[in-house]
Amino acid sequence: MPAIYLNSFNYRKYSLERAMRRAHEYGYDGVEIWSGHFKLDTVEETLAEAQRLGREIGVGAPVLNLSGNVIGDDPEERNARLRRLLAVIARCPDYGVSIINGYAGSLIIDRKDWSHNGSAAATEDHYRRAVDAYRQLGSAAERAGVTITLEVHMNTIHDTAESACRLLDEIGSPAVRANLDPGNMWGVRRSEHPVEAVSILGSRIAYVHFKNVRRVSYPARLIYRSGRGLRLHAAAGRVGLLRHRRRPRPCRLPGTLRPGMVRQRRPQRADQGRRPVPPLAAARP
């Protein structure tokens, strides 16, 4: 049975400790530490504190949201980022982290239509930089016993199942896999249908993000407002969690699931004893 983790992004207005306590209260198997709950320069301190809290609370934080961002034009910046990521990966086993989830890099040239961004804007140089970096990161992850997942996410160079497959196949490391996020795929007009992405990505999938998202209209928009979190509009139809979980073998989603909350009108309600994504209990195989 896959483990189901709570992303601390659901408690982005609160501390990581609050997120971990609620994950335990609501019966989750662990927590994914959202990137807003730590700084890269001091991530080891955050992981050590999460480990301490895990022993106290009774729920761990086995997933770290840490992106590569290794496709920029400045080679010094890319190399510095790579060295830091390699150092973090080497320490992950010490803190009980088994999955590092994130992005190889983003490209944004059109903020109104995301279909022009990410893989649509990527050049061969961008993919080459990502492949070169993740081959090194993959080797380090293999030595550490850690899995790196590239999240199918709007505006990244792996914003569709096809572009994610291309990148993963060129990297060629068993430790670098895919994170299928159906909600994110709704935000890219040219992306495949998320259910079909399960078949396209196949055994490359090691991690899945589920969000309570609806696709209602184009163009896709993320609306950020103070105190209201974010809201995703894309086109008609729901993501359909059970449709993804009930795909026939060999297309069933393997690995780990992580629920996310896309709309949060009143952030304080996240702490009022309500599980962020109730339907996920029914999504277990």
Foldseek 3Di string as FASTA:
>chain_A
DFFEAAECVLLLVDAPLLVQLVCVVVPGQAYEYDPSRDDLVPVVVVLVVQLVSCVVRVHGHQEYADAQQQQDPDNVVNVVSLVSLLVVLQCSVVSNHAEYEYALHFFDDDQAALLCAALVPDDPSSLVRSLVSVLVVLVSNVVSNHAYEHELAGRHNNVALVSQVVSCVSSPHPRYAYEYEQQRNLQHPPHDRSLVSLVSRQPRAAEYEYEFAAACDDDWDWDDDVQKATHTYGHHDTSDLQSQCPDDPPSHHHHHYYYDYHTHGHSVVSSVPDDRDVCVVVSDD
